[in-house]
Every structure is written in C-alpha cells, then in structure tokens.
C-alpha cells in the first residue's frame, strides 16, 4: 500500500518517509557545519518545503530556530541577529547571506542519516519576533515544552485530525504559520504550502484538494467577501474558516457565509501565547467574541487602574497563565514587564462574561497590529527621524477593515518634504507591512514633560478610519 502524501507544494509531494529523509540529510549537513545542542540557528526562508525540512532538522539536532521574516530588510535582520546571537544560519535570502555564513536551501546536500538528539523540554525551541510599545522588535522565546503545549492546544481547539486537509498561505516565519505547519504534521493531516497568497489559487485549491480547514486573516476574509464570483468556487469540503490575528468584522464574515454557506471559528492568540481562546468549530461560533479560553489556559481580567481582578463582564486588561506561554523575551530585561505574579499581560483590553466568552475592545499597549503582525511605532519613528527634513514625528494606528489597523505617521517638518518620500523611506528600510498608510503634517508633536508622545491626541485629531 502506498504511503500517503502529507506535504504538498505546487507539483511537489512528500510522504512522511520522504519528509523524514529530507530532514535527516539537512540535519547531517547542519551538523557538519557545527550545529550542536543548545545552539541557535537563524532561518530566513520563503514559503517552500525546505523551510519545513530546515525547521525539523534544527530541532533534530537539539538546537533552537530563530525565525526571520523574508520581508525583513537589512537593518531589521541585523537587529534580529544582534538580539538573538545565532551561531549559524540557513535559508534562501540574500540579506541573511550577506550578514552571516549561510547554508543555502538550494544547495544540494548528500543523503545521510543522523539520530535525533534527546531534547530538554525547558530548552529553547523557537524564537519569533514581536514588538512592544517602545524600541525595536524583541524575540519571543518558546521552549520545546511551551511550543508543544501550544500545538496540543491548537489541535484540540480546531478539532484537527489525520482526516483533515489544510493549506497554509500565511508566512511560516509568523507564529500562526509555523503553528499550523507543526500541528498538521503532528496529527498527520494533509497540508499544502503556498509560495505566496493568491486568492483565486487559494479558492481553487479548496475545491481540488478538498480542504477541510481554512485559515483567514482579515485581508483574506475581506477579499473573499468582495470576490465577484465567489459562488463559482466549490467550498463544500470546508468544515469552517478560522479567523485569527485581528478581531472579526461581522459584516465581512456574514457576507462570506451568506454566499458560500461556510461558517467561521474566530480564535485569539499572540506570539507570546499562541493559543489563548477559540470559538466552537461545530457551527455555533459567535462573531462578537474571540471565543472562550482553550483547555489548559487560565484567564483573568484586571483593573486598568490598580491591577486587581475585576468581576465578570467588567472591562480591564486580559491576563493569562498556561504552560504554552513564552519563556521570556530577548533582550531579557524586556521580560520584566510582561508578567505580574506569574500572569502574562496580553496588553489587550476587554471583558470576559460569566460564561467565559471573551470580547476584545482595545489595546493597552501601543503596538500596531497590521495583518496579524505587531509593529512598534518607535521602529518607524526611528527611520523617519533619520530624514533631514523631519524635526519630530509620532506613529499610531487606526482601525482598518482590511488590515486590522493602518499605520499613520504624524510628522513635524522643518523643511519641505512630501508624504510619498517619507513613505518610500520607511518602505526601503523596513518590511512592507510597516509602511505608513498616510503621513499627516502637524506643527508639533504633543508630548508629556517626560517626552512621551501623546499618540491618543494625534489619533483623535488625525486618525479618521483609513477606509473612509
């Protein structure tokens, strides 16, 4: 009997045996280059099967993988490498190759076999990048134990089994992408990787591959709702569509369901705690809630004024405890403010009612969430401050139907400069999703005596919804 295919990419198909063989050979090549237990290996790759082989090969050697977005530019990669200090690098990106000796994923490696190393559950497994309210992006450290718990929580929340079929169009360097890949492999589900997101290709493959679980962030959901011939695609194989990374836009979700008959399962997570809550996947999901805490995650809401727990239904910051929570940040000192009495501070403001349903209303932190990626205003401000015409600036986010939030830059200019020039400057230095949607010119940036920019005032004055 032929072994079933578990991973597909374009016209390439891999059985578990073939995946294991590719992983073995790559692990042997990395070991030959000196990768050892406890090392960190930077991985910067486009969406392709070799990303999966590299990820598993690094873990097979007892090393930790540092995931770098292929959208990163030179300065972002340099910063990430400085923060995480990886001893080795693998990937297909010229920026990483220019900064570290790199094993290229297109480089042929001989067939080889290497026994897996016993790994301590408390050892680092994966480092992904997240942004706080100030400074540059910081690395989120997940141990083998915490990431395995996240995979288990995700499998149970999605009710995913070996009978399911899933396609992955989100970047594998993002926590949702790598979580989907590893969860599918763990349960033996069939998975298709896509080189990049293309709506018609995604919809076509739902039909031809008989996809059962579809993942959608806001731009994908919006594109589906607006598709002129969405009804022409056969989506009958879908059990549900999971909406994650940004809050649900009910009108968009309802339009897709009206036109296709497929329901949704909103979920809630973060780089630091990948699976926090999920709606039922049996067709009883609520679009006004991100769901209820998954089994193994405890939640509480605390007062924004004094940090004490509040009653059910009252507004406050959502905090969590779980074995799937991160081990900490790099730089390490950033971890100090992330926990209070063992509870992880999500930075999300919301309510949890007496039945456990969670509603997110705001963010207590100032990061901007664009298509599920967290963007630090200070990172963009640092680029803008480098322009000779910019006297001062502050960056904030506003609600956006497609992207969750859109980036707005308020600039006080001392010399004439165009908004287009400043937007292009950011685009040349940082990943594309960090480009401001708009630049507004102001006489001065309102600040506290401490120097802290009053972004709320700027948002009130200049933050009209970006899709008006």
Protein backbone atom coordinates (compact mmCIF):
# COMPACT_ATOMS: atom_id res chain seq x y z
CA UNK A 1 0.00 0.00 0.00
CA UNK A 2 1.39 3.40 -0.97
CA UNK A 3 2.32 5.73 1.87
CA UNK A 4 0.04 8.79 1.93
CA UNK A 5 1.28 12.24 1.00
CA UNK A 6 1.33 14.66 3.94
CA UNK A 7 3.00 17.77 2.46
CA UNK A 8 2.39 19.37 -0.93
CA UNK A 9 3.90 22.41 -2.64
CA UNK A 10 2.99 23.25 -6.22
CA UNK A 11 3.62 19.92 -8.03
CA UNK A 12 5.92 18.54 -5.31
CA UNK A 13 4.54 15.89 -2.96
CA UNK A 14 6.15 14.35 0.09
CA UNK A 15 5.22 11.33 2.16
CA UNK A 16 6.25 11.20 5.80
CA UNK A 17 9.14 8.93 4.88
CA UNK A 18 10.33 11.40 2.25
CA UNK A 19 9.97 14.30 4.68
CA UNK A 20 11.98 12.41 7.28
CA UNK A 21 14.66 11.60 4.71
CA UNK A 22 14.98 15.25 3.63
CA UNK A 23 15.10 16.34 7.27
CA UNK A 24 17.77 13.76 8.06
CA UNK A 25 20.00 14.86 5.21
CA UNK A 26 19.68 18.53 6.10
CA UNK A 27 20.32 17.80 9.78
CA UNK A 28 23.51 15.96 8.82
CA UNK A 29 24.62 18.92 6.69
CA UNK A 30 23.97 21.32 9.57
CA UNK A 31 25.82 19.04 11.99
CA UNK A 32 28.76 19.02 9.57
CA UNK A 33 28.75 22.83 9.80
CA UNK A 34 28.93 22.64 13.59
CA UNK A 35 25.32 22.92 14.77
CA UNK A 36 25.07 21.41 18.23
CA UNK A 37 22.64 21.05 21.12
CA UNK A 38 21.75 24.45 22.56
CA UNK A 39 22.88 26.44 19.52
CA UNK A 40 20.65 28.95 17.77
CA UNK A 41 20.17 28.78 14.01
CA UNK A 42 18.71 31.73 12.06
CA UNK A 43 16.21 30.62 9.40
CA UNK A 44 15.13 33.13 6.75
CA UNK A 45 13.17 31.46 4.01
CA UNK A 46 10.34 31.94 1.58
CA UNK A 47 7.31 29.64 1.77
CA UNK A 48 8.66 26.32 0.49
CA UNK A 49 9.05 22.70 1.68
CA UNK A 50 12.70 23.31 2.53
CA UNK A 51 11.53 25.66 5.30
CA UNK A 52 9.85 22.67 6.92
CA UNK A 53 12.89 20.43 6.43
CA UNK A 54 15.16 23.08 7.96
CA UNK A 55 12.87 23.65 10.94
CA UNK A 56 12.70 19.96 11.77
CA UNK A 57 16.42 19.44 11.10
CA UNK A 58 17.37 22.17 13.56
CA UNK A 59 15.17 20.60 16.22
CA UNK A 60 16.54 17.14 15.46
CA UNK A 61 19.98 18.43 16.46
CA UNK A 62 18.68 19.89 19.73
CA UNK A 63 19.17 23.46 18.51
CA UNK A 64 16.73 26.38 18.52
CA UNK A 65 15.43 28.07 15.38
CA UNK A 66 15.37 31.86 15.07
CA UNK A 67 12.62 32.70 12.57
CA UNK A 68 13.30 35.76 10.42
CA UNK A 69 10.63 37.16 8.14
CA UNK A 70 11.63 37.13 4.45
CA UNK A 71 10.06 40.60 4.31
CA UNK A 72 12.79 41.99 6.59
CA UNK A 73 15.29 44.45 5.17
CA UNK A 74 19.00 44.69 6.06
CA UNK A 75 18.67 46.73 9.26
CA UNK A 76 15.85 44.56 10.59
CA UNK A 77 17.84 41.37 10.03
CA UNK A 78 20.94 42.92 11.58
CA UNK A 79 18.93 43.91 14.66
CA UNK A 80 17.39 40.44 14.95
CA UNK A 81 20.79 38.78 14.76
CA UNK A 82 22.19 41.13 17.39
CA UNK A 83 19.33 40.33 19.77
CA UNK A 84 19.38 36.54 19.35
CA UNK A 85 23.08 35.91 18.60
CA UNK A 86 22.61 32.76 16.47
CA UNK A 87 25.73 30.72 15.81
CA UNK A 88 24.52 29.51 12.41
CA UNK A 89 22.24 30.48 9.54
CA UNK A 90 20.20 28.69 6.89
CA UNK A 91 17.77 29.99 4.30
CA UNK A 92 17.37 31.37 0.82
CA UNK A 93 17.55 35.12 1.43
CA UNK A 94 20.49 37.26 0.24
CA UNK A 95 20.19 39.68 3.16
CA UNK A 96 20.87 36.91 5.68
CA UNK A 97 23.67 35.54 3.49
CA UNK A 98 25.30 38.97 3.48
CA UNK A 99 25.31 39.11 7.28
CA UNK A 100 26.13 35.52 8.27
CA UNK A 101 27.70 32.45 6.64
CA UNK A 102 24.55 30.70 5.45
CA UNK A 103 23.69 27.22 4.22
CA UNK A 104 21.50 27.97 1.20
CA UNK A 105 18.37 25.88 0.88
CA UNK A 106 19.06 25.41 -2.82
CA UNK A 107 22.48 23.92 -2.08
CA UNK A 108 22.40 20.16 -2.65
CA UNK A 109 23.10 18.04 0.41
CA UNK A 110 24.06 14.37 0.26
CA UNK A 111 21.68 11.71 1.53
CA UNK A 112 22.55 10.97 5.13
CA UNK A 113 21.03 9.81 8.36
CA UNK A 114 21.58 11.19 11.83
CA UNK A 115 19.92 10.08 15.06
CA UNK A 116 17.73 12.68 16.79
CA UNK A 117 19.11 14.22 19.97
CA UNK A 118 17.24 13.93 23.25
CA UNK A 119 15.91 17.41 23.98
CA UNK A 120 15.15 19.03 27.32
CA UNK A 121 11.58 20.37 27.38
CA UNK A 122 12.90 23.51 29.09
CA UNK A 123 15.40 24.24 26.27
CA UNK A 124 14.64 26.89 23.68
CA UNK A 125 12.94 25.59 20.53
CA UNK A 126 11.77 28.59 18.52
CA UNK A 127 12.31 32.33 18.67
CA UNK A 128 9.89 34.60 16.80
CA UNK A 129 9.80 38.37 16.73
CA UNK A 130 7.25 40.60 18.36
CA UNK A 131 7.15 44.31 19.10
CA UNK A 132 6.39 46.18 22.30
CA UNK A 133 5.35 49.75 22.82
CA UNK A 134 8.87 51.14 22.60
CA UNK A 135 12.14 50.23 20.98
CA UNK A 136 12.88 47.71 18.27
CA UNK A 137 11.32 44.25 17.87
CA UNK A 138 12.17 41.74 20.55
CA UNK A 139 12.47 37.99 20.29
CA UNK A 140 9.85 35.75 21.91
CA UNK A 141 11.44 32.59 23.32
CA UNK A 142 9.41 29.38 23.24
CA UNK A 143 10.81 26.20 24.75
CA UNK A 144 10.18 22.74 23.37
CA UNK A 145 7.71 22.29 26.23
CA UNK A 146 5.79 25.52 25.69
CA UNK A 147 5.59 25.13 21.93
CA UNK A 148 4.47 21.50 22.23
CA UNK A 149 1.72 22.66 24.58
CA UNK A 150 0.67 25.31 22.07
CA UNK A 151 0.48 22.67 19.32
CA UNK A 152 -1.65 20.47 21.57
CA UNK A 153 -3.97 23.38 22.40
CA UNK A 154 -4.32 24.28 18.72
CA UNK A 155 -5.03 20.70 17.69
CA UNK A 156 -7.77 20.42 20.31
CA UNK A 157 -9.24 23.87 19.60
CA UNK A 158 -9.50 23.14 15.86
CA UNK A 159 -10.52 19.50 16.40
CA UNK A 160 -7.86 18.67 13.81
CA UNK A 161 -7.26 15.01 12.96
CA UNK A 162 -5.41 12.99 10.34
CA UNK A 163 -8.55 13.20 8.20
CA UNK A 164 -8.21 16.96 7.81
CA UNK A 165 -6.67 18.84 4.90
CA UNK A 166 -5.28 22.34 5.33
CA UNK A 167 -3.48 24.90 3.20
CA UNK A 168 -1.03 27.47 4.54
CA UNK A 169 -0.77 30.85 2.84
CA UNK A 170 0.43 32.86 5.87
CA UNK A 171 4.22 33.31 6.28
CA UNK A 172 5.81 30.37 8.12
CA UNK A 173 8.06 32.80 9.99
CA UNK A 174 4.95 34.15 11.76
CA UNK A 175 3.72 32.27 14.83
CA UNK A 176 0.43 31.29 13.14
CA UNK A 177 2.20 29.91 10.07
CA UNK A 178 4.69 27.75 11.95
CA UNK A 179 1.97 26.64 14.41
CA UNK A 180 -0.24 25.47 11.54
CA UNK A 181 2.61 23.59 9.88
CA UNK A 182 3.75 21.78 13.01
CA UNK A 183 0.22 20.99 14.19
CA UNK A 184 -0.69 19.47 10.82
CA UNK A 185 2.46 17.35 10.85
CA UNK A 186 1.88 16.25 14.45
CA UNK A 187 -1.62 14.95 13.78
CA UNK A 188 -0.85 13.56 10.33
CA UNK A 189 -3.14 15.92 8.45
CA UNK A 190 -2.51 16.71 4.77
CA UNK A 191 -1.02 20.19 4.20
CA UNK A 192 -0.35 22.37 1.17
CA UNK A 193 2.17 25.20 1.33
CA UNK A 194 1.69 28.19 -0.97
CA UNK A 195 4.58 30.26 -2.26
CA UNK A 196 2.52 33.40 -1.68
CA UNK A 197 -1.07 34.40 -1.13
CA UNK A 198 -3.25 34.42 -4.22
CA UNK A 199 -7.00 34.44 -3.57
CA UNK A 200 -8.12 32.60 -6.68
CA UNK A 201 -5.43 29.98 -6.26
CA UNK A 202 -6.44 29.52 -2.62
CA UNK A 203 -10.14 29.16 -3.53
CA UNK A 204 -9.35 26.77 -6.39
CA UNK A 205 -7.33 24.52 -4.14
CA UNK A 206 -10.13 24.32 -1.59
CA UNK A 207 -12.08 22.54 -4.30
CA UNK A 208 -9.36 20.46 -5.95
CA UNK A 209 -7.62 19.46 -2.71
CA UNK A 210 -10.86 19.09 -0.72
CA UNK A 211 -9.55 21.37 2.02
CA UNK A 212 -11.41 20.93 5.31
CA UNK A 213 -9.89 23.73 7.46
CA UNK A 214 -9.17 27.15 6.01
CA UNK A 215 -7.24 29.89 7.83
CA UNK A 216 -8.08 33.53 7.17
CA UNK A 217 -6.68 36.77 8.49
CA UNK A 218 -8.65 39.96 7.81
CA UNK A 219 -7.28 40.72 4.29
CA UNK A 220 -8.16 37.20 3.14
CA UNK A 221 -11.66 37.41 4.61
CA UNK A 222 -12.24 40.82 3.05
CA UNK A 223 -11.01 39.62 -0.33
CA UNK A 224 -13.34 36.63 -0.16
CA UNK A 225 -16.33 38.81 0.69
CA UNK A 226 -15.56 41.15 -2.21
CA UNK A 227 -14.84 38.43 -4.79
CA UNK A 228 -17.22 38.96 -7.71
CA UNK A 229 -17.65 35.24 -8.44
CA UNK A 230 -17.08 33.66 -5.03
CA UNK A 231 -20.13 31.44 -5.57
CA UNK A 232 -18.45 29.80 -8.55
CA UNK A 233 -15.93 28.04 -6.29
CA UNK A 234 -16.83 24.77 -4.63
CA UNK A 235 -16.11 25.27 -0.93
CA UNK A 236 -18.32 22.44 0.26
CA UNK A 237 -15.40 20.47 1.72
CA UNK A 238 -14.72 23.13 4.37
CA UNK A 239 -15.73 22.36 7.93
CA UNK A 240 -15.16 26.01 8.88
CA UNK A 241 -12.91 29.01 8.29
CA UNK A 242 -10.77 30.10 11.22
CA UNK A 243 -10.49 33.90 11.63
CA UNK A 244 -7.41 34.96 13.56
CA UNK A 245 -4.77 37.67 14.08
CA UNK A 246 -7.30 40.54 14.12
CA UNK A 247 -10.83 40.93 15.53
CA UNK A 248 -13.66 39.68 13.34
CA UNK A 249 -15.53 42.15 11.16
CA UNK A 250 -19.03 40.62 11.46
CA UNK A 251 -20.39 42.10 8.24
CA UNK A 252 -17.49 40.60 6.25
CA UNK A 253 -17.82 37.17 7.86
CA UNK A 254 -21.58 37.16 7.41
CA UNK A 255 -21.25 38.08 3.73
CA UNK A 256 -18.90 35.14 3.09
CA UNK A 257 -21.22 32.76 4.93
CA UNK A 258 -24.25 34.08 3.04
CA UNK A 259 -22.53 33.48 -0.29
CA UNK A 260 -20.83 30.15 0.49
CA UNK A 261 -22.68 28.56 3.38
CA UNK A 262 -19.39 28.14 5.27
CA UNK A 263 -19.23 29.27 8.89
CA UNK A 264 -16.42 30.76 10.93
CA UNK A 265 -14.44 29.91 14.07
CA UNK A 266 -12.82 33.08 15.44
CA UNK A 267 -9.71 32.46 17.54
CA UNK A 268 -7.35 34.52 19.69
CA UNK A 269 -3.63 34.19 20.25
CA UNK A 270 -0.33 36.04 20.42
CA UNK A 271 3.30 35.35 19.63
CA UNK A 272 3.89 35.05 23.38
CA UNK A 273 0.93 32.72 23.94
CA UNK A 274 -0.01 31.22 20.57
CA UNK A 275 -3.41 29.78 21.51
CA UNK A 276 -5.45 31.71 24.07
CA UNK A 277 -9.06 31.18 23.04
CA UNK A 278 -11.17 29.76 20.23
CA UNK A 279 -14.81 29.57 19.26
CA UNK A 280 -16.54 26.21 18.83
CA UNK A 281 -15.83 24.67 15.43
CA UNK A 282 -19.19 22.90 15.30
CA UNK A 283 -21.05 25.79 13.66
CA UNK A 284 -22.13 27.54 16.87
CA UNK A 285 -19.38 30.19 16.83
CA UNK A 286 -20.17 33.78 17.84
CA UNK A 287 -18.82 36.61 15.70
CA UNK A 288 -18.97 39.05 18.62
CA UNK A 289 -16.37 37.09 20.59
CA UNK A 290 -12.91 35.61 20.07
CA UNK A 291 -14.21 32.56 21.89
CA UNK A 292 -13.56 31.03 25.27
CA UNK A 293 -10.25 30.05 26.81
CA UNK A 294 -8.92 26.77 25.43
CA UNK A 295 -8.40 23.94 27.89
CA UNK A 296 -5.08 24.47 29.65
CA UNK A 297 -5.25 28.28 29.56
CA UNK A 298 -6.49 30.29 32.54
CA UNK A 299 -7.62 33.87 32.02
CA UNK A 300 -8.47 36.79 34.24
CA UNK A 301 -9.30 40.47 33.73
CA UNK A 302 -7.67 43.08 35.96
CA UNK A 303 -8.38 46.73 36.56
CA UNK A 304 -6.52 49.17 34.32
CA UNK A 305 -6.13 51.47 37.32
CA UNK A 306 -4.78 49.22 40.07
CA UNK A 307 -4.25 45.75 38.55
CA UNK A 308 -6.70 43.94 40.81
CA UNK A 309 -9.04 41.30 39.35
CA UNK A 310 -12.45 42.59 38.29
CA UNK A 311 -15.84 40.89 38.22
CA UNK A 312 -17.21 39.03 35.21
CA UNK A 313 -18.28 41.39 32.46
CA UNK A 314 -16.16 44.31 33.68
CA UNK A 315 -13.57 45.98 31.47
CA UNK A 316 -9.83 45.56 32.07
CA UNK A 317 -6.58 44.05 30.84
CA UNK A 318 -6.72 40.37 29.93
CA UNK A 319 -4.03 38.25 31.57
CA UNK A 320 -3.25 34.57 31.14
CA UNK A 321 -1.48 31.58 32.65
CA UNK A 322 -0.61 28.47 30.65
CA UNK A 323 2.20 26.01 30.05
CA UNK A 324 2.20 27.28 26.46
CA UNK A 325 3.25 30.80 27.44
CA UNK A 326 6.67 32.01 26.30
CA UNK A 327 9.78 31.56 28.44
CA UNK A 328 10.59 35.25 28.01
CA UNK A 329 11.93 37.88 25.66
CA UNK A 330 15.31 38.78 24.29
CA UNK A 331 16.64 41.22 25.37
CA UNK A 332 15.92 39.59 28.72
CA UNK A 333 15.10 42.80 30.56
CA UNK A 334 12.03 43.21 28.35
CA UNK A 335 10.51 40.22 30.17
CA UNK A 336 10.21 42.14 33.44
CA UNK A 337 7.03 43.98 32.46
CA UNK A 338 5.46 41.05 30.61
CA UNK A 339 4.37 39.16 33.73
CA UNK A 340 2.78 40.04 37.03
CA UNK A 341 2.61 37.37 39.75
CA UNK A 342 3.06 34.68 37.09
CA UNK A 343 0.29 36.04 34.85
CA UNK A 344 1.18 37.06 31.29
CA UNK A 345 -0.01 40.54 30.42
CA UNK A 346 -1.58 40.31 26.98
CA UNK A 347 -1.86 44.09 26.59
CA UNK A 348 -5.42 43.56 25.33
CA UNK A 349 -8.31 45.34 26.97
CA UNK A 350 -11.64 43.55 27.06
CA UNK A 351 -14.31 41.69 29.02
CA UNK A 352 -14.94 38.07 29.94
CA UNK A 353 -18.57 37.36 30.80
CA UNK A 354 -19.84 34.88 33.35
CA UNK A 355 -19.94 32.13 30.71
CA UNK A 356 -16.33 32.71 29.69
CA UNK A 357 -16.94 34.49 26.37
CA UNK A 358 -14.17 36.99 25.62
CA UNK A 359 -14.60 40.33 23.89
CA UNK A 360 -11.54 42.37 22.94
CA UNK A 361 -12.19 46.11 22.84
CA UNK A 362 -8.81 47.83 22.75
CA UNK A 363 -5.09 47.51 23.41
CA UNK A 364 -3.43 48.88 26.49
CA UNK A 365 -0.09 48.77 24.72
CA UNK A 366 0.64 50.97 21.75
CA UNK A 367 1.83 48.46 19.20
CA UNK A 368 0.02 48.48 15.88
CA UNK A 369 -1.31 45.17 14.57
CA UNK A 370 -1.18 45.01 10.78
CA UNK A 371 -2.42 41.78 9.16
CA UNK A 372 -1.54 39.94 12.35
CA UNK A 373 1.99 41.38 12.54
CA UNK A 374 2.80 43.58 15.50
CA UNK A 375 4.56 46.81 14.59
CA UNK A 376 6.34 49.06 17.09
CA UNK A 377 5.71 52.76 16.42
CA UNK A 378 9.20 53.57 17.71
CA UNK A 379 10.80 51.46 14.97
CA UNK A 380 9.14 53.51 12.22
CA UNK A 381 9.78 56.75 14.10
CA UNK A 382 13.49 55.95 14.20
CA UNK A 383 13.55 55.73 10.39
CA UNK A 384 11.57 58.94 9.94
CA UNK A 385 13.78 60.82 12.41
CA UNK A 386 16.72 59.97 10.16
CA UNK A 387 15.33 62.13 7.36
CA UNK A 388 16.92 65.61 7.39
CA UNK A 389 13.56 67.33 6.86
CA UNK A 390 11.86 65.69 9.86
CA UNK A 391 12.04 67.70 13.08
CA UNK A 392 9.79 65.35 15.07
CA UNK A 393 7.31 62.55 14.47
CA UNK A 394 5.00 60.05 16.10
CA UNK A 395 3.37 56.95 14.66
CA UNK A 396 0.00 55.47 15.60
CA UNK A 397 -2.57 53.04 14.27
CA UNK A 398 -6.20 53.42 13.25
CA UNK A 399 -8.84 50.78 12.62
CA UNK A 400 -8.80 49.37 9.11
CA UNK A 401 -11.25 46.87 7.67
CA UNK A 402 -8.71 45.04 5.53
CA UNK A 403 -5.57 45.02 7.66
CA UNK A 404 -6.88 45.27 11.21
CA UNK A 405 -5.01 48.52 11.70
CA UNK A 406 -3.38 51.02 9.34
CA UNK A 407 -0.21 52.94 10.19
CA UNK A 408 -0.39 56.73 10.31
CA UNK A 409 2.71 58.90 10.74
CA UNK A 410 2.36 62.40 12.16
CA UNK A 411 5.36 64.50 11.09
CA UNK A 412 6.55 67.93 12.11
CA UNK A 413 8.79 69.00 9.22
CA UNK A 414 11.46 71.68 9.36
CA UNK A 415 12.00 71.60 5.58
CA UNK A 416 9.61 70.77 2.72
CA UNK A 417 9.21 67.05 2.16
CA UNK A 418 6.44 65.01 0.57
CA UNK A 419 4.42 62.29 2.24
CA UNK A 420 5.35 59.95 -0.62
CA UNK A 421 9.06 60.46 0.02
CA UNK A 422 8.70 59.58 3.70
CA UNK A 423 6.55 56.53 2.99
CA UNK A 424 9.10 55.30 0.47
CA UNK A 425 11.89 55.86 3.00
CA UNK A 426 10.19 53.56 5.50
CA UNK A 427 9.45 51.03 2.76
CA UNK A 428 13.10 50.93 1.75
CA UNK A 429 14.32 50.38 5.32
CA UNK A 430 11.62 48.17 6.85
CA UNK A 431 9.27 45.35 5.86
CA UNK A 432 6.45 46.33 3.55
CA UNK A 433 3.73 45.90 6.17
CA UNK A 434 5.43 48.63 8.25
CA UNK A 435 4.95 51.32 5.60
CA UNK A 436 2.66 54.13 6.79
CA UNK A 437 -0.67 54.25 5.01
CA UNK A 438 -0.74 58.03 5.44
CA UNK A 439 1.53 60.85 6.57
CA UNK A 440 -0.08 63.87 8.22
CA UNK A 441 1.94 67.04 8.69
CA UNK A 442 1.49 68.80 12.03
CA UNK A 443 3.04 71.95 13.59
CA UNK A 444 4.37 69.92 16.53
CA UNK A 445 4.08 66.53 18.21
CA UNK A 446 2.18 66.73 21.52
CA UNK A 447 4.30 65.25 24.30
CA UNK A 448 4.30 64.82 28.06
CA UNK A 449 7.06 66.53 30.07
CA UNK A 450 8.78 63.14 30.14
CA UNK A 451 8.97 63.25 26.34
CA UNK A 452 6.38 60.54 25.74
CA UNK A 453 4.38 61.24 22.58
CA UNK A 454 0.65 61.65 23.17
CA UNK A 455 -0.44 59.33 20.38
CA UNK A 456 -4.02 59.28 21.62
CA UNK A 457 -4.33 63.02 20.93
CA UNK A 458 -2.89 62.57 17.45
CA UNK A 459 -5.29 59.72 16.79
CA UNK A 460 -8.24 61.86 17.88
CA UNK A 461 -7.14 64.75 15.65
CA UNK A 462 -5.93 62.91 12.58
CA UNK A 463 -7.00 59.28 12.88
CA UNK A 464 -10.02 59.10 10.64
CA UNK A 465 -10.64 55.46 9.57
CA UNK A 466 -8.36 54.68 6.66
CA UNK A 467 -11.13 53.21 4.55
CA UNK A 468 -13.40 56.26 4.64
